[in-house]
């Protein structure tokens, strides 16, 4: 979007500088970040960039990192992404939707699927479902065919407490096999 384009371009330019990852490590330590999502917008774009994130994650063991990526489609960086996913304080999510092929399976890497409408269901096993916010006809639901819908996107009005990313924790739980057992009221 135009309102964030300049900021994202600046972030991209900064990530190519030699000392960028050292500045990121310093900033994460300074913020005492408990949880850090890599790329709210954007994605991993080269092996070198993934290597920088590997060093950041290793240098910040007290921080839980997580990322959604569609870069699993690129064999030139997939191996580095798999190595990053093996870090004990990291949760990797392969992101996919109806126009993409089925992602390859690796231990510890989960698959998130973006539904565009209620009829758009994954044709292969996934671990978490997101629902396209542009579609306005979603019915309240916690699951689609037994797969957890992002709790924030379940469209359930009556809850005993507010559901937001900070209080949910599904994406960065690091105990992802227990996703379905998550206590979401």
C-alpha atoms as a PDB file:
ATOM      1  CA  UNK A   1       0.000   0.000   0.000  1.00  0.00           C
ATOM      2  CA  UNK A   2       1.176   3.468  -0.760  1.00  0.00           C
ATOM      3  CA  UNK A   3       1.023   4.661   2.847  1.00  0.00           C
ATOM      4  CA  UNK A   4       3.713   2.164   3.951  1.00  0.00           C
ATOM      5  CA  UNK A   5       5.692   1.788   0.726  1.00  0.00           C
ATOM      6  CA  UNK A   6       8.449   4.223   1.753  1.00  0.00           C
ATOM      7  CA  UNK A   7       8.932   2.564   5.122  1.00  0.00           C
ATOM      8  CA  UNK A   8       9.104  -0.908   3.590  1.00  0.00           C
ATOM      9  CA  UNK A   9      11.543   0.227   0.914  1.00  0.00           C
ATOM     10  CA  UNK A  10      13.711   1.756   3.647  1.00  0.00           C
ATOM     11  CA  UNK A  11      13.626  -1.521   5.590  1.00  0.00           C
ATOM     12  CA  UNK A  12      14.583  -3.450   2.470  1.00  0.00           C
ATOM     13  CA  UNK A  13      17.499  -1.088   1.731  1.00  0.00           C
ATOM     14  CA  UNK A  14      18.713  -1.300   5.335  1.00  0.00           C
ATOM     15  CA  UNK A  15      18.626  -5.127   5.292  1.00  0.00           C
ATOM     16  CA  UNK A  16      21.222  -5.140   2.518  1.00  0.00           C
ATOM     17  CA  UNK A  17      23.800  -3.236   4.563  1.00  0.00           C
ATOM     18  CA  UNK A  18      26.630  -5.205   6.140  1.00  0.00           C
ATOM     19  CA  UNK A  19      25.934  -4.211   9.754  1.00  0.00           C
ATOM     20  CA  UNK A  20      22.137  -4.437   9.572  1.00  0.00           C
ATOM     21  CA  UNK A  21      21.876  -7.722  11.478  1.00  0.00           C
ATOM     22  CA  UNK A  22      24.120  -6.360  14.258  1.00  0.00           C
ATOM     23  CA  UNK A  23      21.821  -3.338  14.606  1.00  0.00           C
ATOM     24  CA  UNK A  24      18.809  -5.650  14.725  1.00  0.00           C
ATOM     25  CA  UNK A  25      20.407  -7.704  17.489  1.00  0.00           C
ATOM     26  CA  UNK A  26      21.153  -4.542  19.485  1.00  0.00           C
ATOM     27  CA  UNK A  27      17.602  -3.245  19.002  1.00  0.00           C
ATOM     28  CA  UNK A  28      16.019  -6.551  20.042  1.00  0.00           C
ATOM     29  CA  UNK A  29      18.184  -6.653  23.180  1.00  0.00           C
ATOM     30  CA  UNK A  30      17.432  -2.995  23.936  1.00  0.00           C
ATOM     31  CA  UNK A  31      13.661  -3.571  23.576  1.00  0.00           C
ATOM     32  CA  UNK A  32      13.913  -6.782  25.616  1.00  0.00           C
ATOM     33  CA  UNK A  33      11.570  -8.256  23.041  1.00  0.00           C
ATOM     34  CA  UNK A  34       9.929 -11.419  24.294  1.00  0.00           C
ATOM     35  CA  UNK A  35       8.259 -12.129  20.942  1.00  0.00           C
ATOM     36  CA  UNK A  36       9.360 -10.958  17.509  1.00  0.00           C
ATOM     37  CA  UNK A  37       7.502 -11.496  14.258  1.00  0.00           C
ATOM     38  CA  UNK A  38       9.751 -11.321  11.228  1.00  0.00           C
ATOM     39  CA  UNK A  39       7.983  -9.583   8.322  1.00  0.00           C
ATOM     40  CA  UNK A  40       4.575  -8.210   8.995  1.00  0.00           C
ATOM     41  CA  UNK A  41       4.830  -7.365   5.317  1.00  0.00           C
ATOM     42  CA  UNK A  42       7.561  -8.694   3.049  1.00  0.00           C
ATOM     43  CA  UNK A  43       9.427 -11.977   2.894  1.00  0.00           C
ATOM     44  CA  UNK A  44      12.815 -13.669   2.841  1.00  0.00           C
ATOM     45  CA  UNK A  45      14.446 -12.806  -0.464  1.00  0.00           C
ATOM     46  CA  UNK A  46      17.987 -14.310  -0.588  1.00  0.00           C
ATOM     47  CA  UNK A  47      20.042 -16.954   1.191  1.00  0.00           C
ATOM     48  CA  UNK A  48      22.277 -14.225   2.575  1.00  0.00           C
ATOM     49  CA  UNK A  49      19.275 -12.460   4.087  1.00  0.00           C
ATOM     50  CA  UNK A  50      18.116 -15.733   5.719  1.00  0.00           C
ATOM     51  CA  UNK A  51      21.651 -16.242   7.082  1.00  0.00           C
ATOM     52  CA  UNK A  52      21.433 -12.814   8.709  1.00  0.00           C
ATOM     53  CA  UNK A  53      18.203 -13.837  10.409  1.00  0.00           C
ATOM     54  CA  UNK A  54      19.852 -17.060  11.581  1.00  0.00           C
ATOM     55  CA  UNK A  55      22.534 -15.002  13.328  1.00  0.00           C
ATOM     56  CA  UNK A  56      19.929 -12.656  14.837  1.00  0.00           C
ATOM     57  CA  UNK A  57      17.862 -15.540  16.207  1.00  0.00           C
ATOM     58  CA  UNK A  58      20.970 -17.236  17.636  1.00  0.00           C
ATOM     59  CA  UNK A  59      22.145 -14.000  19.289  1.00  0.00           C
ATOM     60  CA  UNK A  60      18.757 -13.448  20.955  1.00  0.00           C
ATOM     61  CA  UNK A  61      17.920 -16.750  22.679  1.00  0.00           C
ATOM     62  CA  UNK A  62      15.583 -15.026  25.145  1.00  0.00           C
ATOM     63  CA  UNK A  63      13.303 -13.889  22.303  1.00  0.00           C
ATOM     64  CA  UNK A  64      10.752 -16.102  20.553  1.00  0.00           C
ATOM     65  CA  UNK A  65      10.769 -15.481  16.814  1.00  0.00           C
ATOM     66  CA  UNK A  66       8.232 -16.517  14.245  1.00  0.00           C
ATOM     67  CA  UNK A  67       7.655 -15.929  10.552  1.00  0.00           C
ATOM     68  CA  UNK A  68       5.226 -16.730   7.803  1.00  0.00           C
ATOM     69  CA  UNK A  69       6.856 -17.215   4.428  1.00  0.00           C
ATOM     70  CA  UNK A  70       5.976 -18.065   0.877  1.00  0.00           C
ATOM     71  CA  UNK A  71       9.675 -18.207   0.017  1.00  0.00           C
ATOM     72  CA  UNK A  72       9.602 -21.974   0.582  1.00  0.00           C
ATOM     73  CA  UNK A  73       8.725 -22.010  -3.131  1.00  0.00           C
ATOM     74  CA  UNK A  74      12.273 -20.949  -4.023  1.00  0.00           C
ATOM     75  CA  UNK A  75      14.726 -23.884  -3.858  1.00  0.00           C
ATOM     76  CA  UNK A  76      17.656 -21.440  -3.750  1.00  0.00           C
ATOM     77  CA  UNK A  77      16.765 -20.360  -0.205  1.00  0.00           C
ATOM     78  CA  UNK A  78      14.609 -23.224   1.100  1.00  0.00           C
ATOM     79  CA  UNK A  79      17.547 -25.053   2.738  1.00  0.00           C
ATOM     80  CA  UNK A  80      18.493 -21.943   4.699  1.00  0.00           C
ATOM     81  CA  UNK A  81      14.876 -21.469   5.780  1.00  0.00           C
ATOM     82  CA  UNK A  82      14.789 -25.047   7.067  1.00  0.00           C
ATOM     83  CA  UNK A  83      17.956 -24.404   9.095  1.00  0.00           C
ATOM     84  CA  UNK A  84      16.413 -21.223  10.516  1.00  0.00           C
ATOM     85  CA  UNK A  85      13.290 -23.192  11.434  1.00  0.00           C
ATOM     86  CA  UNK A  86      15.377 -25.583  13.544  1.00  0.00           C
ATOM     87  CA  UNK A  87      16.453 -22.862  15.968  1.00  0.00           C
ATOM     88  CA  UNK A  88      14.947 -23.621  19.403  1.00  0.00           C
ATOM     89  CA  UNK A  89      13.451 -20.128  19.753  1.00  0.00           C
ATOM     90  CA  UNK A  90      11.938 -19.999  16.277  1.00  0.00           C
ATOM     91  CA  UNK A  91       8.600 -21.059  14.769  1.00  0.00           C
ATOM     92  CA  UNK A  92       8.447 -21.223  10.973  1.00  0.00           C
ATOM     93  CA  UNK A  93       5.185 -21.222   9.041  1.00  0.00           C
ATOM     94  CA  UNK A  94       4.982 -22.071   5.355  1.00  0.00           C
ATOM     95  CA  UNK A  95       2.204 -19.857   4.023  1.00  0.00           C
ATOM     96  CA  UNK A  96      -0.010 -21.053   1.198  1.00  0.00           C
ATOM     97  CA  UNK A  97      -3.371 -20.607  -0.489  1.00  0.00           C
ATOM     98  CA  UNK A  98      -5.523 -22.047  -3.293  1.00  0.00           C
ATOM     99  CA  UNK A  99      -3.240 -20.921  -6.129  1.00  0.00           C
ATOM    100  CA  UNK A 100      -0.074 -22.417  -4.670  1.00  0.00           C
ATOM    101  CA  UNK A 101       1.111 -25.995  -4.731  1.00  0.00           C
ATOM    102  CA  UNK A 102       1.298 -28.075  -1.563  1.00  0.00           C
ATOM    103  CA  UNK A 103       4.333 -27.031   0.493  1.00  0.00           C
ATOM    104  CA  UNK A 104       7.064 -29.563   1.245  1.00  0.00           C
ATOM    105  CA  UNK A 105       6.975 -31.067   4.746  1.00  0.00           C
ATOM    106  CA  UNK A 106       9.771 -30.592   7.269  1.00  0.00           C
ATOM    107  CA  UNK A 107       9.772 -31.412  10.980  1.00  0.00           C
ATOM    108  CA  UNK A 108       8.893 -28.382  13.088  1.00  0.00           C
ATOM    109  CA  UNK A 109       7.587 -26.303  10.181  1.00  0.00           C
ATOM    110  CA  UNK A 110       3.855 -25.706  10.164  1.00  0.00           C
ATOM    111  CA  UNK A 111       1.600 -24.855   7.268  1.00  0.00           C
ATOM    112  CA  UNK A 112      -0.839 -21.956   7.326  1.00  0.00           C
ATOM    113  CA  UNK A 113      -3.554 -21.700   4.693  1.00  0.00           C
ATOM    114  CA  UNK A 114      -5.368 -18.533   3.621  1.00  0.00           C
ATOM    115  CA  UNK A 115      -9.013 -19.121   2.727  1.00  0.00           C
ATOM    116  CA  UNK A 116     -10.534 -16.612   0.305  1.00  0.00           C
ATOM    117  CA  UNK A 117     -14.158 -17.657   0.929  1.00  0.00           C
ATOM    118  CA  UNK A 118     -16.048 -20.431   2.785  1.00  0.00           C
ATOM    119  CA  UNK A 119     -15.829 -22.837  -0.172  1.00  0.00           C
ATOM    120  CA  UNK A 120     -12.048 -22.428  -0.441  1.00  0.00           C
ATOM    121  CA  UNK A 121     -10.721 -25.279   1.693  1.00  0.00           C
ATOM    122  CA  UNK A 122      -7.207 -26.731   1.579  1.00  0.00           C
ATOM    123  CA  UNK A 123      -6.795 -29.915  -0.435  1.00  0.00           C
ATOM    124  CA  UNK A 124      -3.931 -31.128   1.781  1.00  0.00           C
ATOM    125  CA  UNK A 125      -3.251 -31.158   5.532  1.00  0.00           C
ATOM    126  CA  UNK A 126      -2.553 -27.767   7.133  1.00  0.00           C
ATOM    127  CA  UNK A 127      -1.994 -26.645  10.717  1.00  0.00           C
ATOM    128  CA  UNK A 128      -3.767 -23.290  10.840  1.00  0.00           C
ATOM    129  CA  UNK A 129      -6.276 -21.424   8.719  1.00  0.00           C
ATOM    130  CA  UNK A 130      -6.555 -17.704   8.131  1.00  0.00           C
ATOM    131  CA  UNK A 131      -9.612 -16.145   6.540  1.00  0.00           C
ATOM    132  CA  UNK A 132      -9.354 -13.344   3.992  1.00  0.00           C
ATOM    133  CA  UNK A 133     -10.543 -10.197   5.744  1.00  0.00           C
ATOM    134  CA  UNK A 134     -11.867  -8.737   2.482  1.00  0.00           C
ATOM    135  CA  UNK A 135     -14.582 -11.390   2.339  1.00  0.00           C
ATOM    136  CA  UNK A 136     -17.391 -10.205   4.624  1.00  0.00           C
ATOM    137  CA  UNK A 137     -19.591 -13.325   4.773  1.00  0.00           C
ATOM    138  CA  UNK A 138     -17.675 -15.423   7.316  1.00  0.00           C
ATOM    139  CA  UNK A 139     -19.775 -17.388   9.780  1.00  0.00           C
ATOM    140  CA  UNK A 140     -18.506 -17.725  13.350  1.00  0.00           C
ATOM    141  CA  UNK A 141     -16.373 -20.876  13.612  1.00  0.00           C
ATOM    142  CA  UNK A 142     -13.336 -22.168  15.505  1.00  0.00           C
ATOM    143  CA  UNK A 143     -12.409 -24.894  13.023  1.00  0.00           C
ATOM    144  CA  UNK A 144     -12.630 -25.806   9.355  1.00  0.00           C
ATOM    145  CA  UNK A 145     -12.664 -29.572   8.907  1.00  0.00           C
ATOM    146  CA  UNK A 146     -10.905 -29.974  12.264  1.00  0.00           C
ATOM    147  CA  UNK A 147      -8.214 -27.347  11.594  1.00  0.00           C
ATOM    148  CA  UNK A 148      -8.009 -24.351  13.913  1.00  0.00           C
ATOM    149  CA  UNK A 149      -8.955 -20.989  12.430  1.00  0.00           C
ATOM    150  CA  UNK A 150      -6.811 -18.117  13.670  1.00  0.00           C
ATOM    151  CA  UNK A 151      -8.688 -17.232  16.890  1.00  0.00           C
ATOM    152  CA  UNK A 152      -8.723 -13.532  16.012  1.00  0.00           C
ATOM    153  CA  UNK A 153     -10.487 -14.402  12.739  1.00  0.00           C
ATOM    154  CA  UNK A 154     -13.099 -16.793  14.126  1.00  0.00           C
ATOM    155  CA  UNK A 155     -15.832 -14.094  14.103  1.00  0.00           C
ATOM    156  CA  UNK A 156     -17.065 -15.211  17.504  1.00  0.00           C
ATOM    157  CA  UNK A 157     -18.656 -12.225  19.219  1.00  0.00           C
ATOM    158  CA  UNK A 158     -19.299 -13.574  22.720  1.00  0.00           C
ATOM    159  CA  UNK A 159     -16.019 -14.428  24.409  1.00  0.00           C
ATOM    160  CA  UNK A 160     -15.092 -14.119  28.062  1.00  0.00           C
ATOM    161  CA  UNK A 161     -11.922 -12.245  27.111  1.00  0.00           C
ATOM    162  CA  UNK A 162     -10.533 -10.339  24.168  1.00  0.00           C
ATOM    163  CA  UNK A 163      -8.681 -12.373  21.544  1.00  0.00           C
ATOM    164  CA  UNK A 164      -5.687 -10.687  19.970  1.00  0.00           C
ATOM    165  CA  UNK A 165      -2.272 -11.861  18.823  1.00  0.00           C
ATOM    166  CA  UNK A 166      -0.558 -10.971  22.079  1.00  0.00           C
ATOM    167  CA  UNK A 167      -2.930 -13.051  24.200  1.00  0.00           C
ATOM    168  CA  UNK A 168      -3.477 -15.933  21.779  1.00  0.00           C
ATOM    169  CA  UNK A 169       0.061 -17.140  21.086  1.00  0.00           C
ATOM    170  CA  UNK A 170      -0.777 -19.780  18.474  1.00  0.00           C
ATOM    171  CA  UNK A 171       1.711 -18.393  15.956  1.00  0.00           C
ATOM    172  CA  UNK A 172       4.673 -18.298  18.296  1.00  0.00           C
ATOM    173  CA  UNK A 173       3.791 -21.066  20.738  1.00  0.00           C
ATOM    174  CA  UNK A 174       6.866 -23.194  19.891  1.00  0.00           C
ATOM    175  CA  UNK A 175       4.780 -26.161  20.990  1.00  0.00           C
ATOM    176  CA  UNK A 176       2.885 -26.226  17.743  1.00  0.00           C
ATOM    177  CA  UNK A 177       1.774 -29.885  17.819  1.00  0.00           C
ATOM    178  CA  UNK A 178      -0.483 -28.797  20.680  1.00  0.00           C
ATOM    179  CA  UNK A 179      -2.283 -26.176  18.572  1.00  0.00           C
ATOM    180  CA  UNK A 180      -5.626 -27.906  18.610  1.00  0.00           C
ATOM    181  CA  UNK A 181      -5.481 -28.269  22.412  1.00  0.00           C
ATOM    182  CA  UNK A 182      -5.071 -24.523  22.836  1.00  0.00           C
ATOM    183  CA  UNK A 183      -7.664 -23.197  25.259  1.00  0.00           C
ATOM    184  CA  UNK A 184      -9.486 -20.592  23.208  1.00  0.00           C
ATOM    185  CA  UNK A 185     -12.805 -19.816  24.848  1.00  0.00           C
END
